[in-house]
Amino acid sequence: MTAVADSPTSLSPTGRQTWLRARGLLLALLIVVVAGIVIAALRSGDRHGALDPRSADHHGSRAVAELLKDRGMTTRVVTTLSEATAATGPDTTLLVTDPDLLTSVQQRSLRAAMKASNGRTVLLAPGPASLTTLAPGTRSAGTGPARTVDPECSLPAARNAGSAELGGRQYLADASTADTCYPVDGLPTLVRADTGHGDTVLLGSPRILYNERLAESGNAALALQLLGSRPHLVWYLPSVSDGSAAPGEGDKSFVELIPSGWLWGALQLFVAAALAAVWRGRRLGPLVPEQLPVVVRASETTEGRARLYHRARARDHAAAALRAAARARIAPLLGVPPSSAHRPDLLLPAVTGRLPAGERDLTELLFGPPPADDTELVRLAGHLDALEREVRTS
């Protein structure tokens, strides 16, 4: 009794069964890893990201940087606030691609450098988080659709460029002290304010700097005039890893640095996991495979079913099974989808188009009534076999 109790039962999975169950998951994991490595290798070349003057991607800005270079301008890419503030000057244009990414301390430092430089500062799509410090006197008025709009202002750069693709963030500014251009729904999306220490330009959308949009409308002309008014351009790409701010001041928490989309995605994954747990909990346990005591050959199963049909005189069921099987086999040979194999309007034209015209009534052969006796049933099976051979060899 002890030996019987300690021995493995027939329900215990063998090593081979365990491998067969796990190999699909391991193969999928291997494919994911290989795909990740390949994608990383393909993307590891000269791709730098959106609004990067070194990037030739659709949303990169290499094209406008090359145009500025052809005009004799120098473009310097910086990623830290200390580099950006050190490079400013009266003959320099400072472009900030993401002002809202800066902390309050970084914004104040940048504002002080803007005042001292007497140069031009271009802010791309600044929002409420940065407008108060970097562009006092200007407020955010929401967002609008990005589209081609006319300048509708007296700013020379806008008048010379004409219509351009702007939109995005909209602003409220005093028209008596600032140039307000390219209105969308009545609100400007380009503002140029003279601060007395140079000027500040707000662009509601960065579309005019994208490689894929530069050739549209007056995008190139507007970009060159806004960024090319001075011989030097400092292209500032803010980064969350920039430690230029004073320690302990203006630091963002880890949760604040995570984009809101990731938080929503984590919530959705949590809900999906909870639903999966409830679904699994309602089951009565995993399925238990069991080895069959005997193996029955397919031919024996077919013969047994045929005897049952014969004993029950179920010639209608037998004929329907023969016709259905024949239609399912010849349909792929004729290019008919399996789902349409049992539709006379689709299968019969395909058969007659493949085979030469004859005296056979294919409609009765494939979709006809049940045979009247066993002899007719045997004859039907023979005709179906002959039709299938003819289709295969045609």
Protein backbone atom coordinates (compact mmCIF):
# COMPACT_ATOMS: atom_id res chain seq x y z
CA MET A 1 0.00 0.00 0.00
CA THR A 2 2.81 2.40 0.87
CA ALA A 3 4.55 1.78 -2.45
CA VAL A 4 1.33 2.44 -4.33
CA ALA A 5 0.68 5.69 -2.42
CA ASP A 6 4.20 7.03 -2.96
CA SER A 7 4.36 6.25 -6.68
CA PRO A 8 3.44 9.01 -9.13
CA THR A 9 -0.10 8.86 -10.48
CA SER A 10 -1.11 8.90 -14.12
CA LEU A 11 -2.17 12.52 -13.67
CA SER A 12 1.31 13.74 -12.74
CA PRO A 13 2.87 15.59 -15.70
CA THR A 14 6.02 14.09 -17.10
CA GLY A 15 9.09 16.10 -18.00
CA ARG A 16 8.19 15.95 -21.69
CA GLN A 17 4.66 17.21 -20.99
CA THR A 18 6.03 20.08 -18.93
CA TRP A 19 8.38 21.05 -21.76
CA LEU A 20 5.58 20.88 -24.33
CA ARG A 21 3.42 23.16 -22.22
CA ALA A 22 6.16 25.71 -21.56
CA ARG A 23 7.82 25.84 -24.98
CA GLY A 24 5.16 28.16 -26.44
CA LEU A 25 5.66 30.71 -23.67
CA LEU A 26 9.44 30.45 -23.93
CA LEU A 27 9.29 30.88 -27.70
CA ALA A 28 7.09 33.99 -27.35
CA LEU A 29 9.47 35.43 -24.77
CA LEU A 30 12.44 34.77 -27.05
CA ILE A 31 10.68 36.49 -29.97
CA VAL A 32 9.94 39.56 -27.81
CA VAL A 33 13.55 39.77 -26.65
CA VAL A 34 14.95 39.39 -30.18
CA ALA A 35 12.47 41.95 -31.56
CA GLY A 36 13.45 44.40 -28.83
CA ILE A 37 17.13 43.98 -29.63
CA VAL A 38 16.54 44.42 -33.36
CA ILE A 39 14.38 47.53 -32.86
CA ALA A 40 16.93 49.02 -30.47
CA ALA A 41 19.70 48.35 -32.97
CA LEU A 42 17.75 49.93 -35.83
CA ARG A 43 16.90 53.00 -33.76
CA SER A 44 20.36 53.46 -32.32
CA GLY A 45 21.84 55.27 -35.32
CA ASP A 46 21.50 58.98 -35.88
CA ARG A 47 18.00 59.20 -34.39
CA HIS A 48 17.85 61.76 -31.60
CA GLY A 49 14.18 62.51 -31.10
CA ALA A 50 11.53 65.15 -31.71
CA LEU A 51 12.66 68.76 -32.32
CA ASP A 52 16.30 67.73 -32.26
CA PRO A 53 18.34 69.55 -34.96
CA ARG A 54 20.46 66.42 -35.36
CA SER A 55 17.47 64.19 -36.13
CA ALA A 56 16.29 63.36 -39.66
CA ASP A 57 13.07 61.76 -38.38
CA HIS A 58 9.66 63.11 -39.31
CA HIS A 59 9.45 65.12 -36.10
CA GLY A 60 13.12 66.03 -36.02
CA SER A 61 14.45 69.46 -36.99
CA ARG A 62 17.56 68.71 -38.98
CA ALA A 63 16.16 70.36 -42.11
CA VAL A 64 15.74 73.80 -40.55
CA ALA A 65 19.18 73.52 -38.93
CA GLU A 66 20.71 72.83 -42.35
CA LEU A 67 18.92 75.84 -43.85
CA LEU A 68 20.25 78.05 -41.08
CA LYS A 69 23.72 76.67 -41.65
CA ASP A 70 23.49 77.54 -45.33
CA ARG A 71 22.77 81.13 -44.30
CA GLY A 72 26.00 81.26 -42.31
CA MET A 73 24.46 80.76 -38.87
CA THR A 74 25.89 78.52 -36.17
CA THR A 75 23.63 76.17 -34.24
CA ARG A 76 24.70 74.82 -30.88
CA VAL A 77 22.70 72.06 -29.18
CA VAL A 78 22.66 72.11 -25.37
CA THR A 79 20.80 69.89 -22.90
CA THR A 80 21.51 71.62 -19.57
CA LEU A 81 20.41 74.96 -18.22
CA SER A 82 23.95 76.00 -17.31
CA GLU A 83 25.08 75.52 -20.92
CA ALA A 84 22.06 77.42 -22.22
CA THR A 85 22.49 80.43 -19.95
CA ALA A 86 26.24 80.57 -20.56
CA ALA A 87 25.74 80.66 -24.33
CA THR A 88 23.23 83.53 -24.41
CA GLY A 89 24.17 86.99 -25.63
CA PRO A 90 22.96 89.97 -27.72
CA ASP A 91 23.90 88.19 -30.96
CA THR A 92 22.25 84.91 -29.95
CA THR A 93 18.78 83.41 -30.32
CA LEU A 94 17.88 80.94 -27.56
CA LEU A 95 15.31 78.30 -28.56
CA VAL A 96 13.70 76.35 -25.68
CA THR A 97 11.85 73.30 -27.01
CA ASP A 98 9.95 72.37 -23.83
CA PRO A 99 9.74 75.22 -21.30
CA ASP A 100 7.18 73.41 -19.13
CA LEU A 101 9.76 70.73 -18.35
CA LEU A 102 11.84 73.21 -16.35
CA THR A 103 11.38 73.52 -12.60
CA SER A 104 10.46 76.86 -11.04
CA VAL A 105 14.07 77.46 -9.97
CA GLN A 106 15.33 76.68 -13.49
CA GLN A 107 12.73 79.01 -14.98
CA ARG A 108 13.85 81.87 -12.74
CA SER A 109 17.48 81.25 -13.67
CA LEU A 110 16.58 81.19 -17.35
CA ARG A 111 14.55 84.39 -17.00
CA ALA A 112 17.50 86.17 -15.41
CA ALA A 113 19.77 85.04 -18.26
CA MET A 114 17.18 86.24 -20.81
CA LYS A 115 17.19 89.73 -19.27
CA ALA A 116 20.97 89.92 -19.19
CA SER A 117 21.48 88.66 -22.73
CA ASN A 118 19.57 91.33 -24.69
CA GLY A 119 18.99 88.63 -27.29
CA ARG A 120 15.95 86.77 -28.60
CA THR A 121 14.29 83.87 -26.79
CA VAL A 122 11.88 81.53 -28.64
CA LEU A 123 9.65 79.36 -26.45
CA LEU A 124 7.88 76.42 -28.09
CA ALA A 125 4.33 75.79 -26.83
CA PRO A 126 4.83 77.17 -23.31
CA GLY A 127 1.93 76.46 -20.98
CA PRO A 128 0.69 77.89 -17.69
CA ALA A 129 3.53 76.13 -15.86
CA SER A 130 6.15 78.39 -17.47
CA LEU A 131 4.36 81.46 -18.84
CA THR A 132 4.17 83.33 -15.53
CA THR A 133 7.94 83.28 -15.08
CA LEU A 134 9.30 83.25 -18.63
CA ALA A 135 6.71 85.52 -20.30
CA PRO A 136 5.07 87.78 -17.70
CA GLY A 137 2.08 89.64 -19.05
CA THR A 138 1.05 86.73 -21.26
CA ARG A 139 -1.52 84.14 -20.23
CA SER A 140 -2.55 80.81 -21.68
CA ALA A 141 -6.00 80.74 -23.30
CA GLY A 142 -6.29 77.02 -23.99
CA THR A 143 -5.51 75.07 -27.13
CA GLY A 144 -6.84 75.10 -30.66
CA PRO A 145 -6.51 72.93 -33.77
CA ALA A 146 -3.25 73.07 -35.71
CA ARG A 147 -3.86 74.26 -39.25
CA THR A 148 -2.67 76.72 -41.89
CA VAL A 149 -3.59 80.26 -40.86
CA ASP A 150 -2.78 83.78 -42.03
CA PRO A 151 -0.60 86.08 -39.89
CA GLU A 152 -3.10 88.98 -39.52
CA CYS A 153 -0.48 91.16 -37.80
CA SER A 154 2.20 93.73 -38.61
CA LEU A 155 5.20 91.66 -37.47
CA PRO A 156 7.67 91.75 -40.42
CA ALA A 157 8.68 88.11 -40.03
CA ALA A 158 5.03 87.01 -40.14
CA ARG A 159 4.12 89.29 -43.05
CA ASN A 160 7.07 88.06 -45.12
CA ALA A 161 6.33 84.39 -44.38
CA GLY A 162 2.59 84.62 -45.05
CA SER A 163 0.34 81.76 -44.04
CA ALA A 164 1.94 79.02 -41.93
CA GLU A 165 0.94 75.93 -39.97
CA LEU A 166 0.31 77.07 -36.44
CA GLY A 167 -2.27 76.47 -33.75
CA GLY A 168 -1.85 74.44 -30.62
CA ARG A 169 -1.61 76.68 -27.56
CA GLN A 170 -3.38 80.02 -27.67
CA TYR A 171 -2.42 83.10 -25.68
CA LEU A 172 -3.81 86.32 -24.26
CA ALA A 173 -1.46 89.32 -24.53
CA ASP A 174 -1.75 93.10 -24.64
CA ALA A 175 -1.77 93.97 -28.34
CA SER A 176 -0.41 97.44 -27.57
CA THR A 177 2.85 96.05 -26.18
CA ALA A 178 3.20 92.80 -28.13
CA ASP A 179 2.73 91.49 -31.66
CA THR A 180 -0.07 88.91 -31.74
CA CYS A 181 -0.17 86.84 -34.93
CA TYR A 182 -1.73 83.77 -36.53
CA PRO A 183 -5.03 83.75 -34.65
CA VAL A 184 -6.96 80.50 -34.37
CA ASP A 185 -10.59 80.95 -33.30
CA GLY A 186 -9.75 84.60 -32.60
CA LEU A 187 -6.83 83.91 -30.25
CA PRO A 188 -3.18 84.36 -31.32
CA THR A 189 -0.83 81.40 -31.48
CA LEU A 190 2.33 83.49 -32.05
CA VAL A 191 3.25 86.32 -29.69
CA ARG A 192 6.36 88.49 -29.83
CA ALA A 193 6.92 90.66 -26.78
CA ASP A 194 9.63 93.31 -26.53
CA THR A 195 10.94 93.08 -22.97
CA GLY A 196 13.39 95.97 -23.18
CA HIS A 197 16.17 93.40 -22.87
CA GLY A 198 15.74 91.74 -26.24
CA ASP A 199 12.46 90.07 -27.18
CA THR A 200 10.58 86.86 -26.44
CA VAL A 201 8.65 84.87 -29.05
CA LEU A 202 5.97 82.34 -28.09
CA LEU A 203 4.98 79.69 -30.62
CA GLY A 204 1.80 77.78 -29.86
CA SER A 205 2.87 74.80 -31.96
CA PRO A 206 6.28 73.46 -33.03
CA ARG A 207 4.94 72.13 -36.36
CA ILE A 208 6.86 74.68 -38.46
CA LEU A 209 10.16 73.15 -37.23
CA TYR A 210 9.35 69.51 -38.07
CA ASN A 211 11.21 67.99 -41.01
CA GLU A 212 8.00 66.62 -42.52
CA ARG A 213 6.16 69.98 -42.29
CA LEU A 214 8.93 72.45 -43.15
CA ALA A 215 8.08 72.59 -46.86
CA GLU A 216 4.39 73.30 -46.25
CA SER A 217 2.93 76.82 -46.70
CA GLY A 218 5.27 79.47 -45.25
CA ASN A 219 6.66 77.24 -42.48
CA ALA A 220 10.28 77.42 -43.65
CA ALA A 221 10.19 81.19 -44.17
CA LEU A 222 8.69 81.81 -40.73
CA ALA A 223 11.13 79.44 -39.00
CA LEU A 224 14.16 81.02 -40.69
CA GLN A 225 13.10 84.56 -39.84
CA LEU A 226 12.29 83.78 -36.21
CA LEU A 227 15.46 81.77 -35.60
CA GLY A 228 17.79 83.54 -38.02
CA SER A 229 17.53 87.13 -36.82
CA ARG A 230 20.91 86.77 -35.07
CA PRO A 231 24.09 85.01 -36.19
CA HIS A 232 24.11 82.40 -33.42
CA LEU A 233 21.38 79.95 -32.36
CA VAL A 234 21.40 78.00 -29.09
CA TRP A 235 19.04 75.03 -29.36
CA TYR A 236 18.11 74.08 -25.79
CA LEU A 237 16.60 70.60 -25.27
CA PRO A 238 15.53 70.49 -21.60
CA SER A 239 15.92 67.17 -19.82
CA VAL A 240 14.59 65.80 -16.54
CA SER A 241 18.14 64.65 -15.75
CA ASP A 242 19.43 68.24 -15.73
CA GLY A 243 20.70 69.03 -12.24
CA SER A 244 21.26 72.73 -12.85
CA ALA A 245 18.68 73.77 -10.24
CA ALA A 246 19.78 74.47 -6.71
CA PRO A 247 19.71 71.34 -4.54
CA GLY A 248 16.50 70.89 -2.64
CA GLU A 249 14.67 73.67 -4.53
CA GLY A 250 12.11 73.10 -7.21
CA ASP A 251 12.76 69.36 -7.33
CA LYS A 252 9.91 67.29 -8.70
CA SER A 253 8.87 64.06 -7.06
CA PHE A 254 9.05 60.76 -8.90
CA VAL A 255 5.27 60.71 -9.39
CA GLU A 256 5.34 64.24 -10.89
CA LEU A 257 7.98 63.18 -13.40
CA ILE A 258 5.88 60.25 -14.63
CA PRO A 259 3.62 61.30 -17.54
CA SER A 260 -0.08 61.08 -16.83
CA GLY A 261 -0.52 58.50 -19.58
CA TRP A 262 1.64 56.02 -17.67
CA LEU A 263 -0.51 56.40 -14.58
CA TRP A 264 -3.67 55.73 -16.57
CA GLY A 265 -1.99 52.76 -18.23
CA ALA A 266 -1.01 51.32 -14.83
CA LEU A 267 -4.61 51.72 -13.64
CA GLN A 268 -5.91 49.88 -16.70
CA LEU A 269 -3.42 47.05 -16.14
CA PHE A 270 -4.53 46.80 -12.50
CA VAL A 271 -8.21 46.55 -13.54
CA ALA A 272 -7.36 43.93 -16.18
CA ALA A 273 -5.40 41.89 -13.63
CA ALA A 274 -8.30 42.07 -11.15
CA LEU A 275 -10.78 40.89 -13.79
CA ALA A 276 -8.45 38.05 -14.79
CA ALA A 277 -8.15 37.01 -11.15
CA VAL A 278 -11.95 36.97 -10.77
CA TRP A 279 -12.30 34.95 -13.98
CA ARG A 280 -9.73 32.41 -12.85
CA GLY A 281 -11.27 32.24 -9.39
CA ARG A 282 -14.66 31.22 -10.77
CA ARG A 283 -13.24 28.13 -12.45
CA LEU A 284 -13.26 24.81 -10.66
CA GLY A 285 -9.55 24.41 -11.07
CA PRO A 286 -7.24 23.69 -13.99
CA LEU A 287 -8.11 21.02 -16.54
CA VAL A 288 -6.54 17.65 -15.80
CA PRO A 289 -5.30 15.76 -18.86
CA GLU A 290 -5.75 12.00 -18.81
CA GLN A 291 -4.10 9.38 -20.96
CA LEU A 292 -6.61 7.44 -23.07
CA PRO A 293 -6.59 3.68 -22.32
CA VAL A 294 -6.74 2.79 -26.02
CA VAL A 295 -6.13 4.49 -29.33
CA VAL A 296 -8.92 4.25 -31.90
CA ARG A 297 -7.91 4.57 -35.52
CA ALA A 298 -9.74 7.13 -37.62
CA SER A 299 -10.82 4.45 -40.11
CA GLU A 300 -12.56 2.49 -37.36
CA THR A 301 -14.41 5.59 -36.25
CA THR A 302 -15.54 6.25 -39.83
CA GLU A 303 -16.68 2.64 -40.31
CA GLY A 304 -18.54 2.69 -37.02
CA ARG A 305 -20.41 5.84 -37.93
CA ALA A 306 -21.23 4.40 -41.36
CA ARG A 307 -22.74 1.28 -39.73
CA LEU A 308 -24.85 3.44 -37.47
CA TYR A 309 -26.13 5.41 -40.47
CA HIS A 310 -26.85 2.15 -42.32
CA ARG A 311 -28.66 0.58 -39.39
CA ALA A 312 -30.78 3.70 -38.88
CA ARG A 313 -31.40 4.04 -42.65
CA ALA A 314 -30.18 7.62 -42.29
CA ARG A 315 -29.30 8.06 -45.95
CA ASP A 316 -30.11 11.76 -45.74
CA HIS A 317 -27.52 12.34 -42.98
CA ALA A 318 -24.94 10.19 -44.75
CA ALA A 319 -25.45 12.01 -48.07
CA ALA A 320 -25.28 15.41 -46.36
CA ALA A 321 -22.02 14.42 -44.66
CA LEU A 322 -20.51 13.17 -47.95
CA ARG A 323 -21.50 16.31 -49.84
CA ALA A 324 -20.32 18.65 -47.09
CA ALA A 325 -16.94 16.91 -46.87
CA ALA A 326 -16.54 16.99 -50.66
CA ARG A 327 -17.42 20.70 -50.84
CA ALA A 328 -14.97 21.48 -48.02
CA ARG A 329 -12.16 19.65 -49.86
CA ILE A 330 -12.67 21.07 -53.34
CA ALA A 331 -13.39 24.67 -52.30
CA PRO A 332 -9.72 25.52 -51.45
CA LEU A 333 -8.65 23.94 -54.73
CA LEU A 334 -10.90 26.40 -56.59
CA GLY A 335 -9.89 29.48 -54.58
CA VAL A 336 -13.19 29.63 -52.71
CA PRO A 337 -12.89 30.56 -49.00
CA PRO A 338 -13.83 27.73 -46.60
CA SER A 339 -16.59 29.91 -45.17
CA SER A 340 -18.23 30.03 -48.62
CA ALA A 341 -17.76 26.36 -49.52
CA HIS A 342 -21.41 25.55 -48.79
CA ARG A 343 -22.90 28.42 -50.81
CA PRO A 344 -24.14 27.28 -54.23
CA ASP A 345 -23.91 30.80 -55.70
CA LEU A 346 -20.15 30.90 -55.03
CA LEU A 347 -19.02 27.26 -55.30
CA LEU A 348 -20.87 26.15 -58.45
CA PRO A 349 -19.54 28.94 -60.73
CA ALA A 350 -16.02 28.17 -59.54
CA VAL A 351 -16.44 24.44 -60.35
CA THR A 352 -17.96 25.03 -63.79
CA GLY A 353 -15.25 27.58 -64.55
CA ARG A 354 -12.52 25.04 -63.80
CA LEU A 355 -14.04 21.91 -65.46
CA PRO A 356 -15.09 21.54 -69.10
CA ALA A 357 -18.76 21.73 -69.86
CA GLY A 358 -20.54 18.39 -69.56
CA GLU A 359 -23.88 16.77 -69.01
CA ARG A 360 -23.50 16.47 -65.23
CA ASP A 361 -25.82 18.41 -63.02
CA LEU A 362 -23.38 19.72 -60.43
CA THR A 363 -26.17 21.40 -58.51
CA GLU A 364 -27.84 18.06 -57.84
CA LEU A 365 -24.50 16.36 -57.21
CA LEU A 366 -23.26 18.85 -54.60
CA PHE A 367 -26.49 20.28 -53.20
CA GLY A 368 -29.19 17.85 -54.31
CA PRO A 369 -31.81 15.88 -52.34
CA PRO A 370 -30.95 12.72 -50.37
CA PRO A 371 -30.72 9.47 -52.36
CA ALA A 372 -33.71 7.15 -52.44
CA ASP A 373 -31.85 3.95 -51.58
CA ASP A 374 -28.44 2.56 -50.67
CA THR A 375 -27.50 2.05 -54.31
CA GLU A 376 -28.04 5.71 -55.04
CA LEU A 377 -26.00 6.60 -51.94
CA VAL A 378 -23.06 4.48 -53.15
CA ARG A 379 -23.35 6.03 -56.61
CA LEU A 380 -23.35 9.52 -55.05
CA ALA A 381 -20.14 8.75 -53.15
CA GLY A 382 -18.47 7.54 -56.34
CA HIS A 383 -19.50 10.63 -58.31
CA LEU A 384 -18.23 12.91 -55.54
CA ASP A 385 -14.87 11.11 -55.53
CA ALA A 386 -14.64 11.40 -59.29
CA LEU A 387 -15.47 15.11 -59.17
CA GLU A 388 -12.78 15.73 -56.54
CA ARG A 389 -10.15 13.85 -58.57
CA GLU A 390 -11.09 15.80 -61.68
CA VAL A 391 -10.79 19.12 -59.84
CA ARG A 392 -7.38 18.15 -58.44
CA THR A 393 -6.00 17.17 -61.84
CA SER A 394 -7.52 20.04 -63.84
